[in-house]
């Protein structure tokens, strides 16, 4: 049997798809009981994957068995209720199911003519996002791989607009001789903001840094004089403390000067869709672009970054590519709003998440993350741990009086327990523990169980 006939037979029998589905269901069934981080043996067993490139086609069933038997145990249980390491949500069941279906479709969402369903879902989701965040109908959306790319695209649109307003076609003429563009950001800006500035050629050394308070919030009164050549970067959700810059005040100052405001709201912008948390993002509608990630707070699968931009012309001109074979339509053509041509129909999972949750579900999910974070802080404080931040959203920062080496030992003890997974970071020049509550699966019991693991790890460290 030749290779094509072999694959046709595998597809027709459905055996591989059923095998993968069974493995996935088995994984999901046991995820809450297993160690959050892989055991040492599971990691050692990954060496089984090290081999020469096979000379001939392999056994598809065996490939799937290897992935499940060797790969599944070596995965981090990010979909459990006790993973608090990075700002990583656990995918909603409906989004996992829709992703499986979308993968079978195997759609390229660059053009309406390539995938009418993807184009329609993008248009519908774009309108829903405008409604959720209180944005005008002129705002358009880019559906991207993550919030890092969303920031990049937002700043590219800002660069195009600032240059065009001064008669400079950046696409044709580039940087040489272009109007000088200023970048203003708080000292606590996320690394992805700095990376975007570097990739776009603004130069990290040219960023005008603004002091922040002890929670990482940009101090609006310390902003330098702004002008129409300036991009102001605002943060909605500090990666360590969860704090929010004073968005309304910054936007008012920037708008008076004619500056472009980009809000980096990777996980925090979703607070704007929650009645009891929307005060954190008051004034967000006054910005010109916004980046947010659905795989974080909204718990869609990975590959779900979003850029929202109020200047369609600037965005499209900054990102559009064309060719004689590219046939645009009167419908939404997704490649106009992204730097990619080939792009999987990632919109399906985001649409499914919003369709399933609705306004009430989004409110319940996002506010629930805040409630669990507040519980975490309260129970840690009751156990004589030092909580360093104001828990305004979903982040908790824990500090210690002991040396940094002891903190590293503490985190190691905690990870080895398998009870929960938290991250380490630096705050005020000290090593601290960072807790990110992002999973819909996290229960009050998960938090209490994790706090007990904190207490146990503290008893095990070498002082």
Protein backbone atom coordinates (compact mmCIF):
# COMPACT_ATOMS: atom_id res chain seq x y z
CA UNK A 1 0.00 0.00 0.00
CA UNK A 2 1.45 3.38 -0.97
CA UNK A 3 1.58 6.27 1.50
CA UNK A 4 -1.45 8.10 0.11
CA UNK A 5 -3.63 4.97 0.28
CA UNK A 6 -2.33 4.28 3.79
CA UNK A 7 -3.40 7.73 5.00
CA UNK A 8 -6.75 7.51 3.22
CA UNK A 9 -7.37 4.23 5.03
CA UNK A 10 -6.40 5.75 8.38
CA UNK A 11 -8.78 8.65 7.82
CA UNK A 12 -11.65 6.45 6.64
CA UNK A 13 -11.39 4.06 9.58
CA UNK A 14 -11.52 6.93 12.12
CA UNK A 15 -9.44 4.75 14.42
CA UNK A 16 -6.69 7.35 14.93
CA UNK A 17 -9.15 10.10 15.75
CA UNK A 18 -10.94 7.85 18.23
CA UNK A 19 -7.62 6.82 19.76
CA UNK A 20 -6.56 10.45 20.22
CA UNK A 21 -9.96 11.35 21.64
CA UNK A 22 -9.78 8.50 24.16
CA UNK A 23 -6.31 9.58 25.24
CA UNK A 24 -7.49 13.15 25.62
CA UNK A 25 -10.50 12.11 27.69
CA UNK A 26 -8.29 9.93 29.89
CA UNK A 27 -5.95 12.87 30.45
CA UNK A 28 -8.85 15.17 31.34
CA UNK A 29 -10.37 12.59 33.70
CA UNK A 30 -7.24 12.35 35.85
CA UNK A 31 -5.85 15.88 35.62
CA UNK A 32 -7.14 16.99 39.02
CA UNK A 33 -5.57 14.02 40.82
CA UNK A 34 -2.07 14.09 39.34
CA UNK A 35 0.97 16.11 40.38
CA UNK A 36 0.74 19.62 38.95
CA UNK A 37 4.36 19.47 37.73
CA UNK A 38 5.72 16.27 36.12
CA UNK A 39 7.57 13.80 38.30
CA UNK A 40 11.29 13.26 37.82
CA UNK A 41 10.65 9.89 36.18
CA UNK A 42 8.24 11.45 33.67
CA UNK A 43 10.90 13.94 32.63
CA UNK A 44 13.60 11.26 32.39
CA UNK A 45 11.31 9.18 30.17
CA UNK A 46 11.24 11.99 27.60
CA UNK A 47 14.62 10.72 26.46
CA UNK A 48 12.67 8.00 24.65
CA UNK A 49 11.85 10.62 22.02
CA UNK A 50 15.53 11.11 21.17
CA UNK A 51 16.28 9.12 18.00
CA UNK A 52 17.47 9.47 14.42
CA UNK A 53 14.95 10.74 11.89
CA UNK A 54 13.07 7.61 10.70
CA UNK A 55 13.93 6.45 7.21
CA UNK A 56 10.45 5.09 6.43
CA UNK A 57 6.83 5.95 7.35
CA UNK A 58 5.90 4.93 10.88
CA UNK A 59 3.02 3.36 12.77
CA UNK A 60 0.44 6.07 13.46
CA UNK A 61 -1.14 4.22 16.38
CA UNK A 62 2.26 3.78 18.03
CA UNK A 63 3.03 7.48 17.55
CA UNK A 64 -0.13 8.39 19.44
CA UNK A 65 0.66 5.83 22.15
CA UNK A 66 4.10 7.37 22.63
CA UNK A 67 2.62 10.84 22.89
CA UNK A 68 0.14 9.72 25.51
CA UNK A 69 2.29 7.29 27.51
CA UNK A 70 5.46 9.42 27.48
CA UNK A 71 4.19 12.90 26.69
CA UNK A 72 1.07 13.21 28.84
CA UNK A 73 2.87 12.47 32.16
CA UNK A 74 5.54 15.07 31.26
CA UNK A 75 3.04 17.85 30.65
CA UNK A 76 2.34 20.54 33.24
CA UNK A 77 -1.21 20.30 34.56
CA UNK A 78 -2.15 23.84 33.58
CA UNK A 79 -5.78 22.78 33.20
CA UNK A 80 -6.00 21.70 36.84
CA UNK A 81 -7.31 23.96 39.58
CA UNK A 82 -3.95 24.33 41.32
CA UNK A 83 -1.72 25.79 38.63
CA UNK A 84 -0.83 29.38 39.58
CA UNK A 85 2.51 29.81 37.83
CA UNK A 86 2.16 32.03 34.80
CA UNK A 87 -0.93 33.95 33.77
CA UNK A 88 -2.31 30.86 32.09
CA UNK A 89 -5.99 29.97 31.97
CA UNK A 90 -7.40 26.45 31.71
CA UNK A 91 -9.38 26.01 28.50
CA UNK A 92 -13.16 25.89 28.87
CA UNK A 93 -14.57 22.48 27.85
CA UNK A 94 -16.59 24.02 25.01
CA UNK A 95 -13.49 25.68 23.58
CA UNK A 96 -11.53 22.42 23.65
CA UNK A 97 -14.34 20.68 21.79
CA UNK A 98 -14.64 23.48 19.24
CA UNK A 99 -10.86 23.43 18.73
CA UNK A 100 -10.97 19.72 17.95
CA UNK A 101 -13.69 20.35 15.38
CA UNK A 102 -11.81 23.33 13.92
CA UNK A 103 -8.68 21.23 13.54
CA UNK A 104 -10.68 18.76 11.47
CA UNK A 105 -11.90 21.64 9.29
CA UNK A 106 -8.26 22.72 8.78
CA UNK A 107 -9.24 26.21 7.65
CA UNK A 108 -7.00 29.07 6.55
CA UNK A 109 -8.75 32.23 7.73
CA UNK A 110 -6.83 34.70 5.58
CA UNK A 111 -9.72 35.43 3.21
CA UNK A 112 -13.48 35.01 3.09
CA UNK A 113 -13.00 32.92 -0.06
CA UNK A 114 -10.76 30.55 1.89
CA UNK A 115 -13.12 30.14 4.86
CA UNK A 116 -16.54 31.84 4.92
CA UNK A 117 -17.23 30.39 8.37
CA UNK A 118 -14.05 31.89 9.85
CA UNK A 119 -14.78 35.28 8.27
CA UNK A 120 -18.31 35.31 9.67
CA UNK A 121 -17.23 34.29 13.17
CA UNK A 122 -14.53 36.98 13.14
CA UNK A 123 -17.09 39.64 12.20
CA UNK A 124 -19.53 38.49 14.88
CA UNK A 125 -16.85 38.24 17.57
CA UNK A 126 -15.47 41.66 16.67
CA UNK A 127 -18.90 43.18 17.31
CA UNK A 128 -19.26 41.30 20.60
CA UNK A 129 -15.89 42.55 21.82
CA UNK A 130 -16.82 46.15 21.03
CA UNK A 131 -20.01 45.69 23.03
CA UNK A 132 -18.25 44.05 25.99
CA UNK A 133 -15.65 46.81 26.33
CA UNK A 134 -17.93 49.73 25.45
CA UNK A 135 -16.08 50.64 22.25
CA UNK A 136 -17.41 52.44 19.18
CA UNK A 137 -18.38 50.77 15.90
CA UNK A 138 -15.24 52.10 14.22
CA UNK A 139 -13.05 49.76 16.30
CA UNK A 140 -11.77 46.73 14.38
CA UNK A 141 -10.19 43.54 15.68
CA UNK A 142 -7.11 41.52 14.75
CA UNK A 143 -7.16 37.87 15.83
CA UNK A 144 -3.55 36.91 16.48
CA UNK A 145 -1.32 34.32 18.12
CA UNK A 146 -1.04 36.16 21.44
CA UNK A 147 -0.95 39.53 23.16
CA UNK A 148 2.74 40.01 22.31
CA UNK A 149 1.82 40.10 18.62
CA UNK A 150 -1.22 42.24 19.44
CA UNK A 151 1.02 44.88 21.04
CA UNK A 152 3.33 44.74 18.03
CA UNK A 153 0.44 45.34 15.63
CA UNK A 154 -1.02 48.14 17.75
CA UNK A 155 2.27 50.01 17.80
CA UNK A 156 2.71 49.43 14.06
CA UNK A 157 -0.67 51.08 13.47
CA UNK A 158 0.31 53.97 15.73
CA UNK A 159 3.56 54.44 13.82
CA UNK A 160 1.73 54.51 10.49
CA UNK A 161 -0.80 57.09 11.73
CA UNK A 162 1.75 59.42 13.32
CA UNK A 163 3.88 59.37 10.18
CA UNK A 164 0.97 59.82 7.79
CA UNK A 165 -0.33 62.80 9.76
CA UNK A 166 2.97 64.48 8.90
CA UNK A 167 2.96 63.51 5.24
CA UNK A 168 5.35 60.58 5.59
CA UNK A 169 4.47 57.24 3.95
CA UNK A 170 6.24 54.84 6.26
CA UNK A 171 5.57 51.81 4.07
CA UNK A 172 7.41 53.41 1.16
CA UNK A 173 10.08 55.46 2.91
CA UNK A 174 10.77 53.58 6.13
CA UNK A 175 12.70 54.93 9.09
CA UNK A 176 15.31 57.00 7.28
CA UNK A 177 14.16 60.59 7.55
CA UNK A 178 10.86 59.65 9.20
CA UNK A 179 9.30 61.88 11.87
CA UNK A 180 10.68 61.11 15.31
CA UNK A 181 8.24 59.05 17.37
CA UNK A 182 8.38 59.10 21.14
CA UNK A 183 7.47 56.09 23.30
CA UNK A 184 6.36 56.79 26.88
CA UNK A 185 5.88 53.89 29.30
CA UNK A 186 5.90 53.11 33.00
CA UNK A 187 8.96 51.44 34.51
CA UNK A 188 6.77 48.39 35.22
CA UNK A 189 5.76 47.85 31.60
CA UNK A 190 5.68 44.20 30.57
CA UNK A 191 8.61 42.76 28.63
CA UNK A 192 6.42 42.17 25.57
CA UNK A 193 5.93 45.94 25.28
CA UNK A 194 9.68 46.47 25.30
CA UNK A 195 10.14 43.69 22.74
CA UNK A 196 7.56 45.25 20.41
CA UNK A 197 9.33 48.62 20.63
CA UNK A 198 12.61 46.91 19.75
CA UNK A 199 11.18 44.90 16.84
CA UNK A 200 9.57 48.00 15.33
CA UNK A 201 12.85 49.89 15.43
CA UNK A 202 11.92 52.48 18.06
CA UNK A 203 14.90 51.50 20.19
CA UNK A 204 14.66 50.49 23.84
CA UNK A 205 17.07 53.27 24.83
CA UNK A 206 14.65 55.81 23.37
CA UNK A 207 11.73 54.83 25.62
CA UNK A 208 10.86 57.63 28.03
CA UNK A 209 10.31 55.88 31.33
CA UNK A 210 7.85 57.13 33.94
CA UNK A 211 8.06 56.28 37.65
CA UNK A 212 5.52 53.92 39.17
CA UNK A 213 4.14 53.56 42.68
CA UNK A 214 4.76 50.65 45.04
CA UNK A 215 2.12 48.57 43.24
CA UNK A 216 3.61 49.10 39.79
CA UNK A 217 1.07 51.72 38.66
CA UNK A 218 2.33 54.49 36.41
CA UNK A 219 2.15 57.82 38.25
CA UNK A 220 0.16 60.01 35.87
CA UNK A 221 1.43 63.27 37.35
CA UNK A 222 4.97 62.22 36.35
CA UNK A 223 4.16 61.96 32.64
CA UNK A 224 6.46 64.12 30.52
CA UNK A 225 4.89 66.74 28.22
CA UNK A 226 3.14 64.81 25.45
CA UNK A 227 2.56 65.70 21.80
CA UNK A 228 1.13 64.34 18.56
CA UNK A 229 4.34 62.35 17.91
CA UNK A 230 3.96 60.30 21.09
CA UNK A 231 2.75 56.78 21.82
CA UNK A 232 1.77 56.30 25.46
CA UNK A 233 1.78 52.73 26.75
CA UNK A 234 -0.68 52.01 29.55
CA UNK A 235 -0.97 48.81 31.58
CA UNK A 236 -4.22 47.12 32.58
CA UNK A 237 -3.06 44.38 34.92
CA UNK A 238 0.51 44.31 36.23
CA UNK A 239 1.99 40.86 35.75
CA UNK A 240 3.10 40.63 39.41
CA UNK A 241 0.68 42.74 41.45
CA UNK A 242 -2.31 42.82 39.11
CA UNK A 243 -2.47 46.61 39.50
CA UNK A 244 -3.96 48.91 36.86
CA UNK A 245 -2.51 52.21 35.67
CA UNK A 246 -4.86 55.22 36.10
CA UNK A 247 -6.26 54.75 32.60
CA UNK A 248 -8.80 57.57 32.61
CA UNK A 249 -6.35 60.22 33.80
CA UNK A 250 -3.60 59.14 31.40
CA UNK A 251 -5.96 59.01 28.43
CA UNK A 252 -7.32 62.48 29.16
CA UNK A 253 -3.80 63.91 29.25
CA UNK A 254 -2.79 62.07 26.09
CA UNK A 255 -5.94 62.99 24.19
CA UNK A 256 -5.44 66.68 24.89
CA UNK A 257 -1.96 66.42 23.39
CA UNK A 258 -3.03 64.35 20.39
CA UNK A 259 -0.98 61.32 21.49
CA UNK A 260 -1.78 57.70 20.66
CA UNK A 261 -2.61 55.53 23.70
CA UNK A 262 -2.13 51.77 23.61
CA UNK A 263 -3.47 49.75 26.54
CA UNK A 264 -1.63 46.51 27.28
CA UNK A 265 -4.43 44.51 28.89
CA UNK A 266 -3.25 40.96 28.21
CA UNK A 267 -5.18 39.51 31.15
CA UNK A 268 -6.54 42.62 32.87
CA UNK A 269 -8.65 44.17 30.13
CA UNK A 270 -11.34 41.56 30.80
CA UNK A 271 -12.02 43.37 34.08
CA UNK A 272 -13.70 45.99 31.92
CA UNK A 273 -16.43 43.46 31.08
CA UNK A 274 -17.27 42.80 34.75
CA UNK A 275 -19.60 45.13 36.64
CA UNK A 276 -17.82 44.73 40.00
CA UNK A 277 -14.36 45.24 38.48
CA UNK A 278 -14.96 47.74 35.65
CA UNK A 279 -13.74 50.61 37.84
CA UNK A 280 -10.24 49.24 37.27
CA UNK A 281 -10.43 50.05 33.55
CA UNK A 282 -12.47 53.25 33.71
CA UNK A 283 -11.71 55.40 30.66
CA UNK A 284 -10.42 52.53 28.51
CA UNK A 285 -12.63 53.66 25.60
CA UNK A 286 -10.51 56.81 25.29
CA UNK A 287 -7.48 54.87 24.01
CA UNK A 288 -6.69 54.20 20.35
CA UNK A 289 -5.62 50.54 20.59
CA UNK A 290 -5.91 47.70 23.07
CA UNK A 291 -4.20 44.30 23.35
CA UNK A 292 -5.79 41.40 25.22
CA UNK A 293 -5.44 37.63 25.33
CA UNK A 294 -8.36 35.21 25.44
CA UNK A 295 -6.26 32.26 26.60
CA UNK A 296 -5.57 33.96 29.90
CA UNK A 297 -8.54 35.30 31.83
CA UNK A 298 -11.24 34.11 29.42
CA UNK A 299 -9.84 30.55 29.42
CA UNK A 300 -9.83 29.96 25.67
CA UNK A 301 -7.07 27.66 24.32
CA UNK A 302 -3.70 29.08 23.34
CA UNK A 303 -3.22 31.03 20.11
CA UNK A 304 -5.91 33.59 20.93
CA UNK A 305 -4.46 37.09 21.10
CA UNK A 306 -6.60 40.07 20.17
CA UNK A 307 -5.78 43.59 19.05
CA UNK A 308 -8.57 46.15 19.02
CA UNK A 309 -7.88 49.35 17.10
CA UNK A 310 -9.98 52.47 16.53
CA UNK A 311 -8.08 53.44 13.36
CA UNK A 312 -8.87 50.87 10.67
CA UNK A 313 -6.96 52.73 7.98
CA UNK A 314 -3.79 52.83 10.04
CA UNK A 315 -4.03 49.18 11.03
CA UNK A 316 -4.74 47.86 7.54
CA UNK A 317 -2.02 49.95 5.92
CA UNK A 318 0.51 48.96 8.56
CA UNK A 319 -0.15 45.23 8.14
CA UNK A 320 -1.66 44.57 4.72
CA UNK A 321 0.12 42.44 2.16
CA UNK A 322 -1.15 41.72 -1.30
CA UNK A 323 -0.46 39.74 -4.44
CA UNK A 324 -2.02 39.22 -7.85
CA UNK A 325 -3.55 35.96 -6.64
CA UNK A 326 -5.14 37.49 -3.49
CA UNK A 327 -8.85 38.01 -4.06
CA UNK A 328 -10.48 40.29 -1.51
CA UNK A 329 -14.24 40.27 -1.05
CA UNK A 330 -17.03 42.49 0.23
CA UNK A 331 -16.97 40.39 3.41
CA UNK A 332 -14.41 40.46 6.20
CA UNK A 333 -11.01 39.32 4.96
CA UNK A 334 -8.98 38.56 8.07
CA UNK A 335 -5.52 39.02 6.56
CA UNK A 336 -6.19 42.75 6.22
CA UNK A 337 -5.87 43.06 9.99
CA UNK A 338 -2.94 40.75 10.71
CA UNK A 339 0.69 40.40 9.57
CA UNK A 340 0.03 36.76 8.66
CA UNK A 341 -1.41 35.27 5.51
CA UNK A 342 -1.77 31.62 6.46
CA UNK A 343 -3.58 31.58 9.78
CA UNK A 344 -5.61 28.81 11.39
CA UNK A 345 -9.22 29.61 12.21
CA UNK A 346 -8.43 30.35 15.83
CA UNK A 347 -11.51 32.55 16.00
CA UNK A 348 -13.70 29.46 16.47
CA UNK A 349 -12.59 28.88 20.06
CA UNK A 350 -12.92 32.55 20.99
CA UNK A 351 -16.39 32.75 19.47
CA UNK A 352 -17.36 29.54 21.30
CA UNK A 353 -16.12 30.94 24.62
CA UNK A 354 -18.11 34.15 24.26
CA UNK A 355 -21.19 32.34 22.92
CA UNK A 356 -21.11 29.84 25.79
CA UNK A 357 -20.41 32.28 28.61
CA UNK A 358 -22.48 35.26 27.55
CA UNK A 359 -22.32 38.42 29.64
CA UNK A 360 -23.40 36.64 32.82
CA UNK A 361 -20.87 33.84 32.43
CA UNK A 362 -18.00 36.23 31.69
CA UNK A 363 -18.89 38.20 34.80
CA UNK A 364 -19.06 35.04 36.91
CA UNK A 365 -15.81 33.60 35.54
CA UNK A 366 -13.67 36.73 35.78
CA UNK A 367 -14.98 37.90 39.14
CA UNK A 368 -14.56 34.35 40.42
CA UNK A 369 -10.84 34.53 39.69
CA UNK A 370 -10.65 37.69 41.78
CA UNK A 371 -12.55 36.01 44.62
CA UNK A 372 -10.14 33.07 44.67
CA UNK A 373 -7.14 35.43 44.64
CA UNK A 374 -8.59 37.39 47.55
CA UNK A 375 -9.16 34.11 49.40
CA UNK A 376 -5.57 33.09 48.70
CA UNK A 377 -4.26 36.35 50.14
CA UNK A 378 -6.48 36.14 53.22
CA UNK A 379 -5.59 32.55 54.03
CA UNK A 380 -1.88 33.16 53.47
CA UNK A 381 -1.96 36.19 55.74
CA UNK A 382 -3.76 34.12 58.40
CA UNK A 383 -0.94 31.59 58.11
CA UNK A 384 1.64 34.35 58.78
CA UNK A 385 2.79 34.83 55.20
CA UNK A 386 3.49 38.37 54.02
CA UNK A 387 1.22 39.49 51.16
CA UNK A 388 2.92 42.40 49.41
CA UNK A 389 0.24 43.68 47.04
CA UNK A 390 -3.25 45.07 47.06
CA UNK A 391 -5.26 42.23 45.57
CA UNK A 392 -7.35 44.19 43.11
CA UNK A 393 -7.65 41.47 40.50
CA UNK A 394 -6.15 37.97 40.23
CA UNK A 395 -2.51 38.32 41.29
CA UNK A 396 -1.01 37.69 44.74
CA UNK A 397 2.58 38.51 45.66
CA UNK A 398 4.19 36.84 48.69
CA UNK A 399 7.41 38.06 50.28
CA UNK A 400 9.75 36.75 52.95
CA UNK A 401 12.25 38.11 55.47
CA UNK A 402 14.76 35.36 54.72
CA UNK A 403 17.53 35.42 52.04
CA UNK A 404 16.72 34.95 48.35
CA UNK A 405 18.38 31.52 48.37
CA UNK A 406 15.86 30.37 50.97
CA UNK A 407 13.00 31.64 48.82
CA UNK A 408 14.35 29.56 45.95
CA UNK A 409 14.47 26.55 48.27
CA UNK A 410 10.90 27.26 49.38
CA UNK A 411 9.64 27.37 45.78
CA UNK A 412 11.52 24.15 45.02
CA UNK A 413 9.90 22.42 48.01
CA UNK A 414 6.51 23.65 46.89
CA UNK A 415 7.00 22.40 43.32
CA UNK A 416 8.24 19.01 44.47
CA UNK A 417 5.11 18.52 46.55
CA UNK A 418 3.05 18.40 43.37
CA UNK A 419 0.24 20.10 45.26
CA UNK A 420 0.38 23.37 43.35
CA UNK A 421 2.60 25.33 40.98
CA UNK A 422 3.57 28.94 41.57
CA UNK A 423 6.17 31.20 40.01
CA UNK A 424 9.08 33.13 41.40
CA UNK A 425 9.94 36.71 40.49
CA UNK A 426 11.78 39.78 41.78
CA UNK A 427 9.99 42.60 43.58
CA UNK A 428 11.74 45.52 45.24
CA UNK A 429 15.02 43.71 44.56
CA UNK A 430 13.92 40.66 46.55
CA UNK A 431 12.95 37.18 45.41
CA UNK A 432 9.23 36.65 45.97
CA UNK A 433 6.47 34.21 45.06
CA UNK A 434 3.95 35.22 42.42
CA UNK A 435 0.50 33.60 42.37
CA UNK A 436 -1.69 33.98 39.29
CA UNK A 437 -5.27 32.78 39.67
CA UNK A 438 -6.47 32.26 36.10
CA UNK A 439 -8.29 28.94 35.85
CA UNK A 440 -12.03 28.42 35.81
CA UNK A 441 -11.31 25.07 37.48
CA UNK A 442 -9.84 26.60 40.66
CA UNK A 443 -12.13 26.07 43.63
CA UNK A 444 -12.07 27.41 47.18
CA UNK A 445 -10.86 23.96 48.23
CA UNK A 446 -7.98 24.16 45.73
CA UNK A 447 -6.87 27.43 47.30
CA UNK A 448 -7.00 26.09 50.86
CA UNK A 449 -5.15 22.95 49.79
CA UNK A 450 -2.47 25.11 48.16
CA UNK A 451 -2.11 27.28 51.26
CA UNK A 452 -1.56 24.11 53.28
CA UNK A 453 1.21 23.22 50.82
CA UNK A 454 2.76 26.66 51.44
CA UNK A 455 2.78 25.98 55.18
CA UNK A 456 4.33 22.55 54.67
CA UNK A 457 7.02 23.91 52.34
CA UNK A 458 7.93 26.61 54.86
CA UNK A 459 8.53 23.92 57.49
CA UNK A 460 10.86 22.09 55.10
CA UNK A 461 13.15 24.95 54.05
CA UNK A 462 16.63 25.31 55.47
CA UNK A 463 16.83 28.59 57.41
